[in-house]
Structures are given as C-alpha cells and as structure tokens.
Amino acid sequence: MTYGGPGTATNTLPFLGYLQAFVRYDFGLGAATSLLTVAGVLVLAFVYARSIRKEEKEG
C-alpha cells in the first residue's frame, strides 16, 4: 500500500485506522477510527436502502 496522493498527503479511513493502531501503537484511536467508519457506512447504507424502497413504492 502506498500512502496515497502526492507524498503522504492522503489516506483512506481503513488505512488510517491501521496506521494509528499498528504503526503508532495507539490501539484506542485506531479502534475508534474503525468504529466511526463502520457507523458512517451503516448510516449511508440505511439512507440508500430507504431511498430505494421509497422509489419502488412510487414506481
């Protein structure tokens, strides 16, 4: 894996969680980053599923 972007300018959230936990040995921050990422994905999935269900009812 690269650090993305020009130099080390960008990271993905899963890679950031990995860096925090296993490179910097800050397991709490890595776990928090991972949990917030999962929560964000779940919220987006819920909103998406709800909008799809709404479109199917109208159509």
Protein backbone atom coordinates (compact mmCIF):
# COMPACT_ATOMS: atom_id res chain seq x y z
CA MET A 1 0.00 0.00 0.00
CA THR A 2 1.11 3.50 -0.67
CA TYR A 3 0.25 6.46 1.48
CA GLY A 4 -1.78 7.85 -1.44
CA GLY A 5 -1.77 11.30 -3.01
CA PRO A 6 1.40 13.25 -3.54
CA GLY A 7 3.76 12.09 -0.83
CA THR A 8 1.84 11.26 2.34
CA ALA A 9 -0.96 13.78 1.79
CA THR A 10 -3.92 11.38 1.70
CA ASN A 11 -5.07 8.10 3.26
CA THR A 12 -8.21 6.03 3.21
CA LEU A 13 -10.03 5.61 6.51
CA PRO A 14 -9.27 1.89 6.89
CA PHE A 15 -5.58 2.53 6.23
CA LEU A 16 -5.62 5.42 8.70
CA GLY A 17 -7.05 3.11 11.37
CA TYR A 18 -4.31 0.58 10.59
CA LEU A 19 -1.60 3.23 10.86
CA GLN A 20 -2.95 4.51 14.15
CA ALA A 21 -3.26 1.08 15.71
CA PHE A 22 -0.30 -0.90 14.42
CA VAL A 23 2.29 1.66 13.35
CA ARG A 24 1.82 4.29 16.06
CA TYR A 25 0.68 1.70 18.66
CA ASP A 26 -2.39 3.80 19.54
CA PHE A 27 -4.90 0.97 19.59
CA GLY A 28 -7.70 3.04 21.12
CA LEU A 29 -7.56 5.67 18.39
CA GLY A 30 -7.32 3.01 15.70
CA ALA A 31 -10.36 1.22 17.11
CA ALA A 32 -12.30 4.48 17.37
CA THR A 33 -11.47 5.35 13.75
CA SER A 34 -12.60 1.91 12.62
CA LEU A 35 -15.85 2.03 14.59
CA LEU A 36 -16.71 5.51 13.32
CA THR A 37 -16.02 4.36 9.77
CA VAL A 38 -18.33 1.36 10.18
CA ALA A 39 -21.03 3.57 11.75
CA GLY A 40 -20.78 6.02 8.84
CA VAL A 41 -21.07 3.24 6.28
CA LEU A 42 -24.10 1.80 8.09
CA VAL A 43 -25.82 5.21 8.11
CA LEU A 44 -25.17 5.68 4.40
CA ALA A 45 -26.41 2.14 3.66
CA PHE A 46 -29.59 2.78 5.66
CA VAL A 47 -30.29 6.05 3.82
CA TYR A 48 -29.63 4.36 0.47
CA ALA A 49 -31.88 1.38 1.24
CA ARG A 50 -34.63 3.68 2.43
CA SER A 51 -34.50 5.78 -0.74
CA ILE A 52 -34.57 2.65 -2.94
CA ARG A 53 -37.58 1.30 -1.03
CA LYS A 54 -39.34 4.66 -1.44
CA GLU A 55 -38.67 4.68 -5.22
CA GLU A 56 -40.02 1.13 -5.60
CA LYS A 57 -43.26 2.06 -3.84
CA GLU A 58 -43.79 5.09 -6.10
CA GLY A 59 -42.95 3.27 -9.35
